[in-house]
Amino acid sequence: MRAADIIIKKRGTGNKKGEALTKEEIEFIVNGYTNGSIPDYQMSAFLMAVYFSGMTFEETGYLTACMLHSGDVIDLHNKEDKGLKGPFIDKHSTGGVGDKISIPLAPIVAALGVQIPMMSGRGLGHTGGTLDKLESLSGYNVKLSPLEFENLIASNGYGMMGQTEKIAPADRKMYALRDVTGTVESIPLITSSILSKKVAEGSDGLVFDVKYGIGAFMKNPDDAELLATFLVKTAQAMGKKAVALLTNMDSPLGYKTGNYLEVEESLECLQGKGPDDIMELTYALGGRMAVLGEKASTVEEGIELCKQAVSSGKALEVFLKNIKDQGGNPQELLESQGKRRSSFHSELVAEKDGYISIDAYKTGIACINLGVGRNKTSDEVSADSGIIFAKRQGDYVKKGEKIMDIYGKDDLSTESGTAALKNAVTYSSEKPEEKKLILKEIK
């Protein structure tokens, strides 16, 4: 078997797309690239062939399984004596601005008795990362061993960790190559990248939040639906329960963006004071996790159970215990609520009367300027940078009225971020169309 022959088979000729590959051919390419026997230039050609010719659900399943087994897999099963009873359910979002959903969602669903192994990522580009947000809490540790991860799930229902060097190394290596060869936007490659990590963490069931719109990776609903379908069908082909929601990301979610600020807003959600859009999406995802986790027979029942977990204070209790268990200080979070802000501050006020629209993508880019995000993986992030919105999408403002408070890591970042945010806000004499937050379900 030769890499060149596999590349040609997948590439196709002329106007004819390439053929479906066998399990053995996919294993040959992925294993060879992971162990170094296949060079970057051949893998680049293979990735480009997949980009143009696509893959079937079956091929995507083979690719995912091969990437999954390129490294360590966390096995949570057959450990009832350690308190790991399952089923193990997780959620994945394709990323957005102000998308802090994982932070309140995990303790809410864990409070119902569902066990949640949550392996999250860091922010890159205009989208935020759950790990960066959690690490804004002093001492919070996301660099967990598999045993530490298991113990957290057994004792409190969930744990939050990052991908280790030994989990899905093929994905890490392939993603770095995709990033510099123009092959990121391939649905089979995105699917295998997401699922190889999510299955490696030990999940039995997955709920996907696939975003579309200005601030999303997928700009239109059709592309988002195709990705959601690939994620769900491939996960199901691998023996996992799966469902996806298509959700809108034209404007930022919630009233706060930034690392600490989004943890603070998550705390507000668990105190029963969360923004309507955050709570709508959290409950919608939580209701489905409750069904997959066999704690509810219908989504509606699951949503009601999630609401009760918040109103009773149980979800907040689980959240604060997790902070303590992962090395943070829950009392410090409670005492800093509403007080911890960067000293580098400015306000953006309305330039004229009108209804405002706030572009999620431009807001995310402005947040990089402020220090919230990173342009490359080695960049440091600022815990206290971010935005607090006084006004949101569709609100009517008068000239001079405050739209947002802006916090940067220093004077220069605050100035450049504020300038960028001016370009994120547009004004209209007509109220912008109010789009549904949740477009549809894919299962």
Protein backbone atom coordinates (compact mmCIF):
# COMPACT_ATOMS: atom_id res chain seq x y z
CA MET A 1 0.00 0.00 0.00
CA ARG A 2 1.34 3.45 -0.97
CA ALA A 3 0.26 6.88 0.27
CA ALA A 4 0.37 8.27 -3.28
CA ASP A 5 -2.14 5.68 -4.52
CA ILE A 6 -4.53 6.46 -1.68
CA ILE A 7 -4.25 10.22 -2.39
CA ILE A 8 -5.00 9.65 -6.09
CA LYS A 9 -7.98 7.42 -5.28
CA LYS A 10 -9.49 10.07 -2.99
CA ARG A 11 -8.54 12.95 -5.30
CA GLY A 12 -10.29 11.69 -8.40
CA THR A 13 -9.58 12.85 -11.97
CA GLY A 14 -10.96 15.70 -14.06
CA ASN A 15 -14.52 16.49 -13.02
CA LYS A 16 -14.92 13.13 -11.32
CA LYS A 17 -14.66 13.15 -7.53
CA GLY A 18 -12.53 10.60 -5.79
CA GLU A 19 -13.71 7.25 -4.51
CA ALA A 20 -14.54 6.15 -0.96
CA LEU A 21 -11.56 4.76 0.92
CA THR A 22 -11.47 1.53 2.88
CA LYS A 23 -10.85 1.34 6.61
CA GLU A 24 -7.38 -0.08 5.93
CA GLU A 25 -6.44 2.77 3.56
CA ILE A 26 -7.50 5.41 6.08
CA GLU A 27 -5.61 3.64 8.86
CA PHE A 28 -2.50 3.48 6.67
CA ILE A 29 -2.53 7.24 6.04
CA VAL A 30 -3.37 8.35 9.59
CA ASN A 31 -1.08 5.92 11.40
CA GLY A 32 1.75 6.64 8.96
CA TYR A 33 1.45 10.38 9.47
CA THR A 34 1.25 10.02 13.25
CA ASN A 35 4.38 7.84 13.44
CA GLY A 36 6.30 9.99 10.95
CA SER A 37 6.59 7.53 8.05
CA ILE A 38 4.28 9.70 5.89
CA PRO A 39 5.59 13.26 5.47
CA ASP A 40 3.71 16.55 5.77
CA TYR A 41 3.56 17.08 2.01
CA GLN A 42 1.73 13.80 1.40
CA MET A 43 -0.69 14.37 4.29
CA SER A 44 -1.32 17.89 2.96
CA ALA A 45 -2.23 16.40 -0.41
CA PHE A 46 -4.51 13.86 1.28
CA LEU A 47 -6.28 16.56 3.31
CA MET A 48 -6.82 18.65 0.18
CA ALA A 49 -8.22 15.59 -1.62
CA VAL A 50 -10.70 15.09 1.23
CA TYR A 51 -11.53 18.82 1.17
CA PHE A 52 -12.58 18.63 -2.50
CA SER A 53 -13.96 15.07 -2.72
CA GLY A 54 -15.54 14.78 0.73
CA MET A 55 -16.14 11.59 2.67
CA THR A 56 -19.09 9.33 3.37
CA PHE A 57 -20.43 8.89 6.91
CA GLU A 58 -18.74 5.48 6.92
CA GLU A 59 -15.35 6.91 5.88
CA THR A 60 -15.69 9.69 8.44
CA GLY A 61 -16.37 7.05 11.08
CA TYR A 62 -13.23 5.13 10.09
CA LEU A 63 -11.17 8.36 10.16
CA THR A 64 -12.57 9.31 13.57
CA ALA A 65 -11.91 5.87 15.06
CA CYS A 66 -8.36 5.85 13.74
CA MET A 67 -7.65 9.33 15.18
CA LEU A 68 -9.29 8.29 18.45
CA HIS A 69 -7.09 5.22 18.85
CA SER A 70 -3.90 7.07 17.91
CA GLY A 71 -3.45 7.79 21.64
CA ASP A 72 -4.95 7.29 25.08
CA VAL A 73 -8.67 6.68 25.54
CA ILE A 74 -10.28 7.28 28.92
CA ASP A 75 -12.41 4.30 29.88
CA LEU A 76 -15.07 5.19 32.46
CA HIS A 77 -16.96 1.93 32.15
CA ASN A 78 -17.05 -1.09 34.48
CA LYS A 79 -16.03 1.11 37.40
CA GLU A 80 -19.29 1.19 39.37
CA ASP A 81 -17.35 0.40 42.54
CA LYS A 82 -15.56 3.74 42.09
CA GLY A 83 -18.85 5.63 41.69
CA LEU A 84 -18.78 5.78 37.88
CA LYS A 85 -22.24 4.56 36.95
CA GLY A 86 -22.97 6.28 33.60
CA PRO A 87 -24.30 6.78 31.10
CA PHE A 88 -21.70 9.48 30.46
CA ILE A 89 -23.04 12.45 28.51
CA ASP A 90 -21.24 15.54 27.18
CA LYS A 91 -21.98 18.61 25.08
CA HIS A 92 -19.91 20.26 22.37
CA SER A 93 -20.30 23.73 20.85
CA THR A 94 -18.73 24.75 17.55
CA GLY A 95 -17.89 28.09 19.20
CA GLY A 96 -19.11 31.64 19.40
CA VAL A 97 -18.81 34.99 21.17
CA GLY A 98 -20.10 35.06 24.74
CA ASP A 99 -20.72 31.32 24.50
CA LYS A 100 -20.19 30.32 28.12
CA ILE A 101 -22.90 27.64 28.08
CA SER A 102 -20.69 24.73 29.19
CA ILE A 103 -19.89 26.39 32.52
CA PRO A 104 -23.47 26.59 33.91
CA LEU A 105 -24.72 23.60 31.88
CA ALA A 106 -22.42 20.96 33.37
CA PRO A 107 -23.38 21.53 37.04
CA ILE A 108 -27.08 21.85 36.17
CA VAL A 109 -27.16 18.46 34.43
CA ALA A 110 -24.80 16.88 36.99
CA ALA A 111 -27.26 17.97 39.69
CA LEU A 112 -29.80 15.64 38.02
CA GLY A 113 -27.46 12.66 38.50
CA VAL A 114 -26.06 12.58 34.95
CA GLN A 115 -22.29 12.03 34.90
CA ILE A 116 -20.45 14.41 32.58
CA PRO A 117 -16.88 13.96 31.33
CA MET A 118 -16.21 17.38 29.75
CA MET A 119 -13.04 17.82 27.75
CA SER A 120 -12.90 21.43 26.59
CA GLY A 121 -10.63 23.64 24.52
CA ARG A 122 -8.97 27.02 24.52
CA GLY A 123 -10.02 30.05 22.52
CA LEU A 124 -8.43 30.66 19.14
CA GLY A 125 -9.39 33.42 16.75
CA HIS A 126 -12.61 35.27 17.55
CA THR A 127 -14.20 32.50 19.66
CA GLY A 128 -13.61 32.06 23.38
CA GLY A 129 -12.38 28.92 25.12
CA THR A 130 -13.90 27.26 28.19
CA LEU A 131 -10.48 26.42 29.64
CA ASP A 132 -9.33 30.06 29.46
CA LYS A 133 -12.49 31.14 31.26
CA LEU A 134 -12.13 28.58 34.04
CA GLU A 135 -8.45 29.40 34.51
CA SER A 136 -9.41 33.01 35.26
CA LEU A 137 -10.25 31.55 38.70
CA SER A 138 -7.00 31.43 40.67
CA GLY A 139 -5.86 27.86 41.26
CA TYR A 140 -8.44 26.19 38.99
CA ASN A 141 -6.66 23.21 37.42
CA VAL A 142 -7.69 21.79 34.04
CA LYS A 143 -4.50 19.77 33.51
CA LEU A 144 -5.87 16.57 34.96
CA SER A 145 -4.68 12.98 34.79
CA PRO A 146 -7.27 10.39 33.73
CA LEU A 147 -7.51 9.21 37.37
CA GLU A 148 -8.12 12.76 38.67
CA PHE A 149 -10.75 13.22 35.96
CA GLU A 150 -12.50 9.98 36.95
CA ASN A 151 -12.48 10.91 40.64
CA LEU A 152 -14.07 14.30 39.95
CA ILE A 153 -16.86 12.73 37.91
CA ALA A 154 -17.49 10.10 40.58
CA SER A 155 -17.59 12.58 43.47
CA ASN A 156 -19.47 15.52 41.96
CA GLY A 157 -20.96 14.41 38.65
CA TYR A 158 -18.58 16.25 36.35
CA GLY A 159 -15.01 17.31 35.67
CA MET A 160 -13.50 19.89 33.29
CA MET A 161 -10.21 19.06 31.60
CA GLY A 162 -8.14 19.94 28.55
CA GLN A 163 -6.84 17.60 25.89
CA THR A 164 -3.61 15.96 27.04
CA GLU A 165 -0.59 15.31 24.84
CA LYS A 166 -1.52 11.63 24.72
CA ILE A 167 -5.20 12.01 23.74
CA ALA A 168 -5.84 11.92 19.97
CA PRO A 169 -2.28 12.96 18.93
CA ALA A 170 -3.21 12.36 15.29
CA ASP A 171 -5.84 15.09 15.57
CA ARG A 172 -3.38 17.57 17.09
CA LYS A 173 -0.86 16.93 14.33
CA MET A 174 -3.44 16.97 11.51
CA TYR A 175 -5.19 20.09 12.78
CA ALA A 176 -1.92 22.03 12.82
CA LEU A 177 -1.41 21.03 9.18
CA ARG A 178 -5.00 21.88 8.19
CA ASP A 179 -4.57 25.31 9.75
CA VAL A 180 -1.76 26.20 7.33
CA THR A 181 -2.95 24.37 4.19
CA GLY A 182 -6.43 25.86 3.74
CA THR A 183 -8.26 22.66 4.67
CA VAL A 184 -9.92 23.67 7.95
CA GLU A 185 -13.38 24.10 6.39
CA SER A 186 -13.95 20.43 5.57
CA ILE A 187 -16.97 18.90 7.26
CA PRO A 188 -15.59 15.31 7.47
CA LEU A 189 -12.30 16.66 8.88
CA ILE A 190 -14.08 18.91 11.38
CA THR A 191 -16.31 16.00 12.41
CA SER A 192 -13.42 13.58 12.97
CA SER A 193 -11.46 16.22 14.88
CA ILE A 194 -14.34 16.93 17.27
CA LEU A 195 -15.45 13.34 17.76
CA SER A 196 -12.00 11.82 18.21
CA LYS A 197 -11.56 13.97 21.32
CA LYS A 198 -15.13 13.66 22.60
CA VAL A 199 -15.17 9.87 22.33
CA ALA A 200 -11.67 9.68 23.87
CA GLU A 201 -13.00 11.30 27.06
CA GLY A 202 -15.38 8.37 27.59
CA SER A 203 -18.77 9.78 26.55
CA ASP A 204 -21.71 7.49 25.75
CA GLY A 205 -23.88 10.30 24.42
CA LEU A 206 -23.28 13.73 22.92
CA VAL A 207 -25.37 16.86 22.45
CA PHE A 208 -23.99 19.24 19.82
CA ASP A 209 -24.59 22.99 19.68
CA VAL A 210 -23.81 23.81 16.04
CA LYS A 211 -23.80 27.54 15.49
CA TYR A 212 -24.44 29.50 12.31
CA GLY A 213 -24.39 33.20 11.51
CA ILE A 214 -21.99 36.15 11.43
CA GLY A 215 -20.01 35.08 14.49
CA ALA A 216 -20.02 31.35 13.76
CA PHE A 217 -17.64 29.11 11.88
CA MET A 218 -20.54 28.13 9.61
CA LYS A 219 -22.10 31.30 8.22
CA ASN A 220 -25.35 29.91 6.87
CA PRO A 221 -27.89 27.41 8.25
CA ASP A 222 -27.47 24.91 5.40
CA ASP A 223 -23.75 24.45 6.07
CA ALA A 224 -24.41 24.22 9.80
CA GLU A 225 -27.08 21.59 9.22
CA LEU A 226 -24.70 19.53 7.09
CA LEU A 227 -22.06 19.66 9.84
CA ALA A 228 -24.65 18.80 12.50
CA THR A 229 -25.83 15.85 10.42
CA PHE A 230 -22.26 14.58 9.99
CA LEU A 231 -21.58 14.91 13.72
CA VAL A 232 -24.77 13.11 14.74
CA LYS A 233 -24.64 10.34 12.13
CA THR A 234 -20.93 9.65 12.63
CA ALA A 235 -21.33 9.55 16.41
CA GLN A 236 -24.26 7.16 16.02
CA ALA A 237 -22.23 4.98 13.65
CA MET A 238 -19.64 4.76 16.45
CA GLY A 239 -22.29 3.49 18.84
CA LYS A 240 -22.96 6.78 20.63
CA LYS A 241 -26.29 8.47 21.30
CA ALA A 242 -26.31 11.89 19.67
CA VAL A 243 -28.47 14.92 18.91
CA ALA A 244 -27.68 18.43 17.66
CA LEU A 245 -29.25 21.89 17.82
CA LEU A 246 -28.68 24.56 15.19
CA THR A 247 -28.36 27.89 17.02
CA ASN A 248 -27.90 31.49 15.92
CA MET A 249 -24.64 33.39 16.46
CA ASP A 250 -25.19 36.73 14.73
CA SER A 251 -24.76 38.69 17.96
CA PRO A 252 -22.94 37.90 21.24
CA LEU A 253 -24.67 35.67 23.80
CA GLY A 254 -25.48 37.14 27.20
CA TYR A 255 -24.41 40.49 28.64
CA LYS A 256 -20.76 39.66 29.29
CA THR A 257 -17.82 38.53 27.20
CA GLY A 258 -14.34 37.88 28.56
CA ASN A 259 -12.73 35.16 30.61
CA TYR A 260 -13.58 36.04 34.22
CA LEU A 261 -16.66 38.01 33.18
CA GLU A 262 -18.18 34.93 31.55
CA VAL A 263 -17.54 32.84 34.67
CA GLU A 264 -19.25 35.59 36.65
CA GLU A 265 -22.25 35.51 34.31
CA SER A 266 -22.32 31.71 34.61
CA LEU A 267 -22.53 32.17 38.38
CA GLU A 268 -25.47 34.53 37.85
CA CYS A 269 -27.16 31.84 35.73
CA LEU A 270 -26.85 29.35 38.57
CA GLN A 271 -28.18 31.95 41.02
CA GLY A 272 -31.32 32.26 38.89
CA LYS A 273 -30.33 35.64 37.43
CA GLY A 274 -29.05 34.57 34.01
CA PRO A 275 -29.84 36.36 30.72
CA ASP A 276 -32.82 34.97 28.80
CA ASP A 277 -30.82 33.80 25.77
CA ILE A 278 -28.19 32.01 27.86
CA MET A 279 -30.86 30.26 29.94
CA GLU A 280 -32.95 29.30 26.91
CA LEU A 281 -30.00 27.60 25.27
CA THR A 282 -28.67 26.08 28.50
CA TYR A 283 -32.05 24.52 29.32
CA ALA A 284 -32.57 23.31 25.73
CA LEU A 285 -29.21 21.53 25.74
CA GLY A 286 -29.64 20.36 29.33
CA GLY A 287 -33.05 18.87 28.60
CA ARG A 288 -31.57 16.77 25.84
CA MET A 289 -28.62 15.70 27.99
CA ALA A 290 -31.11 14.60 30.65
CA VAL A 291 -32.89 12.40 28.09
CA LEU A 292 -29.65 10.85 26.81
CA GLY A 293 -28.58 10.38 30.43
CA GLU A 294 -31.84 8.52 31.19
CA LYS A 295 -33.04 11.00 33.82
CA ALA A 296 -35.99 12.24 31.74
CA SER A 297 -38.27 10.57 29.21
CA THR A 298 -38.90 13.76 27.19
CA VAL A 299 -36.98 16.95 26.47
CA GLU A 300 -39.73 18.97 28.14
CA GLU A 301 -39.39 16.93 31.32
CA GLY A 302 -35.61 17.33 31.16
CA ILE A 303 -35.91 21.11 30.82
CA GLU A 304 -38.20 21.27 33.84
CA LEU A 305 -35.75 19.20 35.88
CA CYS A 306 -32.93 21.57 34.88
CA LYS A 307 -35.00 24.57 35.98
CA GLN A 308 -35.66 22.89 39.33
CA ALA A 309 -31.92 22.21 39.77
CA VAL A 310 -31.31 25.96 39.48
CA SER A 311 -34.26 27.16 41.59
CA SER A 312 -33.43 24.69 44.39
CA GLY A 313 -29.80 25.85 44.57
CA LYS A 314 -28.53 22.31 43.88
CA ALA A 315 -26.80 23.27 40.60
CA LEU A 316 -25.00 26.18 42.29
CA GLU A 317 -23.85 23.84 45.06
CA VAL A 318 -22.43 21.41 42.49
CA PHE A 319 -20.67 24.26 40.66
CA LEU A 320 -19.01 25.64 43.78
CA LYS A 321 -17.89 22.15 44.83
CA ASN A 322 -16.31 21.64 41.42
CA ILE A 323 -14.35 24.88 41.75
CA LYS A 324 -13.01 23.73 45.12
CA ASP A 325 -12.28 20.19 43.90
CA GLN A 326 -10.31 21.48 40.89
CA GLY A 327 -8.14 23.75 43.02
CA GLY A 328 -10.05 27.04 42.92
CA ASN A 329 -11.58 29.13 45.69
CA PRO A 330 -15.38 29.31 45.48
CA GLN A 331 -15.62 31.84 48.30
CA GLU A 332 -13.27 34.17 46.44
CA LEU A 333 -15.55 33.96 43.38
CA LEU A 334 -18.61 34.81 45.44
CA GLU A 335 -16.87 37.72 47.14
CA SER A 336 -15.49 39.14 43.87
CA GLN A 337 -18.86 38.97 42.09
CA GLY A 338 -19.64 42.35 40.53
CA LYS A 339 -16.36 43.83 41.78
CA ARG A 340 -13.48 42.24 39.89
CA ARG A 341 -12.79 44.45 36.86
CA SER A 342 -9.70 45.48 34.93
CA SER A 343 -8.51 48.98 35.87
CA PHE A 344 -8.12 49.77 32.15
CA HIS A 345 -11.63 50.86 31.24
CA SER A 346 -13.56 52.83 28.65
CA GLU A 347 -17.18 53.25 27.61
CA LEU A 348 -18.71 53.04 24.15
CA VAL A 349 -21.65 55.41 23.78
CA ALA A 350 -24.18 55.68 20.97
CA GLU A 351 -23.10 57.90 18.10
CA LYS A 352 -26.72 58.59 17.15
CA ASP A 353 -30.32 57.61 17.86
CA GLY A 354 -31.55 54.28 16.52
CA TYR A 355 -31.93 50.55 16.90
CA ILE A 356 -28.57 48.83 17.25
CA SER A 357 -27.13 45.66 15.83
CA ILE A 358 -23.96 44.18 17.35
CA ASP A 359 -21.84 42.06 15.01
CA ALA A 360 -20.64 38.94 16.85
CA TYR A 361 -17.59 38.40 14.63
CA LYS A 362 -16.36 41.99 14.92
CA THR A 363 -16.98 41.84 18.68
CA GLY A 364 -14.88 38.68 18.92
CA ILE A 365 -12.04 40.27 16.97
CA ALA A 366 -12.21 43.34 19.24
CA CYS A 367 -11.94 41.01 22.23
CA ILE A 368 -8.62 39.73 20.89
CA ASN A 369 -7.39 43.34 20.88
CA LEU A 370 -8.55 43.70 24.49
CA GLY A 371 -6.60 40.61 25.53
CA VAL A 372 -9.50 38.16 25.91
CA GLY A 373 -8.42 35.89 23.07
CA ARG A 374 -5.34 34.89 21.12
CA ASN A 375 -4.17 35.02 17.53
CA LYS A 376 -1.99 31.93 17.96
CA THR A 377 -2.00 29.14 20.50
CA SER A 378 1.12 30.43 22.30
CA ASP A 379 -0.44 33.84 23.10
CA GLU A 380 -1.27 34.64 26.72
CA VAL A 381 -4.81 35.77 27.56
CA SER A 382 -5.96 38.37 30.06
CA ALA A 383 -8.33 37.07 32.73
CA ASP A 384 -10.02 40.42 33.42
CA SER A 385 -10.40 41.86 29.90
CA GLY A 386 -13.82 41.89 28.29
CA ILE A 387 -17.10 43.67 27.72
CA ILE A 388 -20.25 44.26 29.74
CA PHE A 389 -23.15 45.25 27.50
CA ALA A 390 -25.57 47.90 28.74
CA LYS A 391 -27.54 47.52 25.50
CA ARG A 392 -27.91 44.56 23.20
CA GLN A 393 -29.01 43.54 19.74
CA GLY A 394 -32.31 45.21 18.78
CA ASP A 395 -32.35 47.76 21.62
CA TYR A 396 -33.17 51.39 20.88
CA VAL A 397 -30.54 53.91 21.98
CA LYS A 398 -30.28 57.68 22.06
CA LYS A 399 -27.12 59.54 21.10
CA GLY A 400 -24.69 59.59 24.02
CA GLU A 401 -26.32 56.65 25.81
CA LYS A 402 -23.93 53.94 27.03
CA ILE A 403 -23.87 50.75 24.97
CA MET A 404 -21.07 48.90 26.72
CA ASP A 405 -18.29 49.02 29.29
CA ILE A 406 -14.94 47.93 27.86
CA TYR A 407 -12.05 46.46 29.84
CA GLY A 408 -8.56 45.86 28.42
CA LYS A 409 -5.27 44.44 29.62
CA ASP A 410 -3.56 47.84 29.29
CA ASP A 411 -4.18 51.34 27.92
CA LEU A 412 -3.20 50.47 24.35
CA SER A 413 -5.37 47.36 24.16
CA THR A 414 -8.33 49.23 25.64
CA GLU A 415 -7.95 52.00 23.07
CA SER A 416 -7.62 49.64 20.10
CA GLY A 417 -10.43 47.40 21.35
CA THR A 418 -12.77 50.34 21.78
CA ALA A 419 -12.03 51.54 18.24
CA ALA A 420 -12.77 48.06 16.89
CA LEU A 421 -16.02 47.84 18.86
CA LYS A 422 -17.27 51.09 17.31
CA ASN A 423 -17.20 49.23 13.99
CA ALA A 424 -19.13 46.30 15.49
CA VAL A 425 -22.18 48.46 16.23
CA THR A 426 -24.56 49.68 13.51
CA TYR A 427 -27.65 51.87 13.80
CA SER A 428 -31.00 51.70 12.02
CA SER A 429 -34.30 53.55 12.11
CA GLU A 430 -36.00 50.15 11.83
CA LYS A 431 -35.86 47.48 14.52
CA PRO A 432 -33.75 44.57 13.20
CA GLU A 433 -35.49 41.28 12.58
CA GLU A 434 -35.47 39.14 15.71
CA LYS A 435 -34.17 35.72 14.76
CA LYS A 436 -34.94 32.53 16.65
CA LEU A 437 -32.08 31.47 18.90
CA ILE A 438 -32.68 27.77 18.20
CA LEU A 439 -33.44 27.01 14.58
CA LYS A 440 -33.93 23.24 14.57
CA GLU A 441 -32.94 19.88 16.00
CA ILE A 442 -30.99 17.18 14.17
CA LYS A 443 -31.13 13.61 15.45
